[in-house]
Structure formats: structure tokens, C-alpha cells
């Protein structure tokens, strides 16, 4: 295989990275509960979906995100469609921010992410309480929101580095 063919294959594989990370995260229910860290959890799919829907929406398709939400519902035991609803709502917030932003700024993205997570979690847990009568531990939710918010900036920088890696393989074609 020629060098150009190898780089093209590598670039295509790297472009699939965000969707693969999403499916691994929903299948694994990505947090540190198995390490017995009390009060440490975060919603990695929210971070991943918001960032990639904001910066490179062509890497994550809405249908694939919806299906990832269905898988997440099966894994964690929520009624089918709740996670899909929240994931697509996060996409909606990211699309809105992408369309109104003239000059991207990580700090503004970060603060808007907090707003998006608060609204989306409020709506989803309101639905779970009103329609499905599920009992919810509000302390766990608050801790999850706080860690998700603070870890967004770290993952955003890692994803930015990943984007540069993808661009580097495109330039070598």
C-alpha cells in the first residue's frame, strides 16, 4: 500500500474517533464508580457530544447520537428515549451556539455548556419524575453536573489536540 493510501486510511480512522468514543462511553457508562471513588462521576457523552457538535458536527451524525442514547438507556435502565432526547438536546444547544458565534471562545463555550447541561438535566429528570415516578438522588446529580462542567475544559483541550492530529494527516495527503 502506498504512503498516500496509508495516510488516507489513517485519516478516515481518526475521523471515526469521536463516534467510537461515544459508543465506548455509553457501553461502558464511563465514570469511576468501579474504582470506588465516592462522589465522583461525570457525563462524558455530554462533553463529547457538545464539543464535536459545536466544532465539527460532520463527525457525529444525529442518527448515530440518537442510537447511542438508546443504547445508554438500555445499559443504565432508563425508559427508552430519555438519553436520546438529552443527547439531541445537547446537540441543539451546540448548533445554536455554533450559529450565533462570530468569534469562538473556549470560555464562552464552557459557560454555555454549563447552561446547556443544567437545562437538559432539568428537563430529563423532570420527565423521569413526573411520568415515570423514578426516585432521584439530587446530590449525585449535582456532583455529576459540577464534575462534567469542570472536566469539559480539559476534554475540550484534548479534543482540540485530536482535531489538530486529524488535520495533520489531511495535510500529508
Protein backbone atom coordinates (compact mmCIF):
# COMPACT_ATOMS: atom_id res chain seq x y z
CA UNK A 1 0.00 0.00 0.00
CA UNK A 2 1.36 3.42 -0.88
CA UNK A 3 2.12 6.11 1.66
CA UNK A 4 -0.82 8.23 0.47
CA UNK A 5 -3.20 5.27 0.83
CA UNK A 6 -1.98 4.63 4.39
CA UNK A 7 -2.44 8.27 5.36
CA UNK A 8 -5.91 8.37 3.83
CA UNK A 9 -6.89 5.22 5.76
CA UNK A 10 -5.43 6.68 8.98
CA UNK A 11 -7.30 9.95 8.46
CA UNK A 12 -10.61 8.12 7.90
CA UNK A 13 -9.99 6.07 11.04
CA UNK A 14 -9.20 9.21 13.05
CA UNK A 15 -12.39 10.87 11.80
CA UNK A 16 -14.37 7.94 13.21
CA UNK A 17 -12.77 8.53 16.62
CA UNK A 18 -15.48 10.76 18.14
CA UNK A 19 -18.30 8.36 17.31
CA UNK A 20 -16.25 5.39 18.54
CA UNK A 21 -15.50 7.24 21.80
CA UNK A 22 -19.21 7.96 22.18
CA UNK A 23 -20.22 4.33 21.77
CA UNK A 24 -17.48 3.14 24.11
CA UNK A 25 -18.63 5.72 26.67
CA UNK A 26 -22.30 4.69 26.53
CA UNK A 27 -21.48 0.98 26.58
CA UNK A 28 -19.09 1.41 29.49
CA UNK A 29 -21.18 4.02 31.35
CA UNK A 30 -17.95 5.97 31.60
CA UNK A 31 -17.22 7.10 35.12
CA UNK A 32 -15.10 5.99 38.02
CA UNK A 33 -17.66 4.07 40.06
CA UNK A 34 -15.72 0.84 39.61
CA UNK A 35 -12.70 2.46 41.33
CA UNK A 36 -14.84 3.13 44.43
CA UNK A 37 -14.39 6.89 44.29
CA UNK A 38 -17.29 8.20 46.30
CA UNK A 39 -18.93 11.25 44.81
CA UNK A 40 -17.02 11.36 41.56
CA UNK A 41 -18.95 10.96 38.36
CA UNK A 42 -19.30 12.95 35.19
CA UNK A 43 -21.21 12.68 31.96
CA UNK A 44 -18.57 12.09 29.29
CA UNK A 45 -21.14 11.67 26.47
CA UNK A 46 -22.43 15.21 27.18
CA UNK A 47 -18.90 16.61 26.89
CA UNK A 48 -18.14 14.66 23.75
CA UNK A 49 -21.43 15.42 22.02
CA UNK A 50 -21.38 19.12 22.87
CA UNK A 51 -17.78 19.64 21.77
CA UNK A 52 -17.97 17.74 18.49
CA UNK A 53 -21.42 19.09 17.62
CA UNK A 54 -20.05 22.56 18.20
CA UNK A 55 -16.69 22.27 16.45
CA UNK A 56 -17.05 19.53 13.82
CA UNK A 57 -20.69 18.43 13.50
CA UNK A 58 -19.93 16.27 10.48
CA UNK A 59 -18.06 13.78 12.70
CA UNK A 60 -21.16 12.89 14.74
CA UNK A 61 -24.41 12.20 12.93
CA UNK A 62 -27.68 12.86 14.70
CA UNK A 63 -28.91 9.36 13.92
CA UNK A 64 -25.79 7.83 15.47
CA UNK A 65 -26.19 10.05 18.53
CA UNK A 66 -29.84 9.02 18.85
CA UNK A 67 -28.89 5.34 18.64
CA UNK A 68 -26.14 5.86 21.25
CA UNK A 69 -28.82 7.31 23.54
CA UNK A 70 -30.98 4.22 23.09
CA UNK A 71 -28.01 2.02 23.98
CA UNK A 72 -27.33 4.18 27.04
CA UNK A 73 -30.95 3.81 28.18
CA UNK A 74 -30.70 0.04 27.96
CA UNK A 75 -27.39 0.00 29.86
CA UNK A 76 -28.45 2.27 32.75
CA UNK A 77 -32.09 1.17 32.89
CA UNK A 78 -33.84 4.42 31.91
CA UNK A 79 -37.01 4.37 29.82
CA UNK A 80 -36.13 4.19 26.13
CA UNK A 81 -35.61 7.58 24.53
CA UNK A 82 -34.68 9.66 27.58
CA UNK A 83 -30.94 9.65 26.86
CA UNK A 84 -31.56 10.12 23.15
CA UNK A 85 -33.70 13.15 23.99
CA UNK A 86 -30.96 14.63 26.19
CA UNK A 87 -28.20 13.91 23.68
CA UNK A 88 -30.12 15.53 20.84
CA UNK A 89 -30.99 18.47 23.06
CA UNK A 90 -27.26 18.93 23.78
CA UNK A 91 -26.72 18.86 20.00
CA UNK A 92 -29.36 21.54 19.63
CA UNK A 93 -27.63 23.81 22.14
CA UNK A 94 -24.29 23.28 20.40
CA UNK A 95 -25.82 24.01 16.98
CA UNK A 96 -27.40 27.18 18.32
CA UNK A 97 -24.10 28.36 19.80
CA UNK A 98 -22.25 27.50 16.58
CA UNK A 99 -24.71 29.57 14.53
CA UNK A 100 -24.66 32.68 16.74
CA UNK A 101 -20.93 32.76 17.44
CA UNK A 102 -18.80 35.11 15.40
CA UNK A 103 -15.54 34.53 17.24
CA UNK A 104 -15.22 31.19 19.03
CA UNK A 105 -14.01 31.40 22.61
CA UNK A 106 -13.39 28.40 24.86
CA UNK A 107 -14.53 30.25 27.98
CA UNK A 108 -17.86 31.25 26.40
CA UNK A 109 -18.33 27.71 25.10
CA UNK A 110 -17.62 26.40 28.59
CA UNK A 111 -20.17 28.67 30.26
CA UNK A 112 -22.78 27.92 27.60
CA UNK A 113 -22.07 24.22 28.15
CA UNK A 114 -22.96 24.70 31.84
CA UNK A 115 -26.24 26.34 30.86
CA UNK A 116 -26.98 23.55 28.37
CA UNK A 117 -26.24 20.80 30.90
CA UNK A 118 -28.40 22.46 33.55
CA UNK A 119 -31.35 22.84 31.18
CA UNK A 120 -31.03 19.36 29.68
CA UNK A 121 -30.61 17.60 33.03
CA UNK A 122 -33.52 19.57 34.50
CA UNK A 123 -35.80 18.58 31.64
CA UNK A 124 -34.78 14.94 31.60
CA UNK A 125 -35.09 14.47 35.35
CA UNK A 126 -38.38 16.35 35.37
CA UNK A 127 -39.67 13.88 32.78
CA UNK A 128 -38.33 10.95 34.82
CA UNK A 129 -40.01 12.22 37.97
CA UNK A 130 -43.35 13.27 36.51
CA UNK A 131 -44.02 10.50 34.03
CA UNK A 132 -42.03 7.54 35.30
CA UNK A 133 -42.08 8.21 39.07
CA UNK A 134 -38.37 7.43 39.44
CA UNK A 135 -36.63 8.34 42.66
CA UNK A 136 -33.67 10.62 42.07
CA UNK A 137 -30.70 11.38 44.28
CA UNK A 138 -30.20 15.10 43.82
CA UNK A 139 -26.76 15.12 45.45
CA UNK A 140 -25.48 12.64 42.87
CA UNK A 141 -26.92 14.76 40.06
CA UNK A 142 -25.38 17.95 41.42
CA UNK A 143 -21.97 16.29 41.77
CA UNK A 144 -22.25 14.89 38.26
CA UNK A 145 -23.09 18.32 36.83
CA UNK A 146 -20.22 20.02 38.65
CA UNK A 147 -17.62 17.47 37.54
CA UNK A 148 -19.00 17.42 34.00
CA UNK A 149 -18.70 21.20 33.88
CA UNK A 150 -15.15 21.31 35.22
CA UNK A 151 -13.91 18.43 33.10
CA UNK A 152 -15.29 19.98 29.91
CA UNK A 153 -12.37 22.39 29.65
CA UNK A 154 -9.84 19.56 29.99
CA UNK A 155 -11.54 17.37 27.41
CA UNK A 156 -12.05 20.34 25.09
CA UNK A 157 -8.29 20.84 25.02
CA UNK A 158 -7.71 17.13 24.43
CA UNK A 159 -10.27 17.12 21.61
CA UNK A 160 -8.64 20.23 20.13
CA UNK A 161 -5.32 18.37 20.09
CA UNK A 162 -7.11 15.41 18.46
CA UNK A 163 -8.51 17.75 15.81
CA UNK A 164 -5.01 19.01 15.07
CA UNK A 165 -3.87 15.42 14.72
CA UNK A 166 -6.63 14.80 12.17
CA UNK A 167 -5.69 17.98 10.29
CA UNK A 168 -2.05 16.89 10.28
CA UNK A 169 -2.92 13.66 8.49
CA UNK A 170 -5.09 15.58 6.00
CA UNK A 171 -2.19 17.91 5.14
CA UNK A 172 0.10 14.97 4.46
CA UNK A 173 -2.26 13.57 1.78
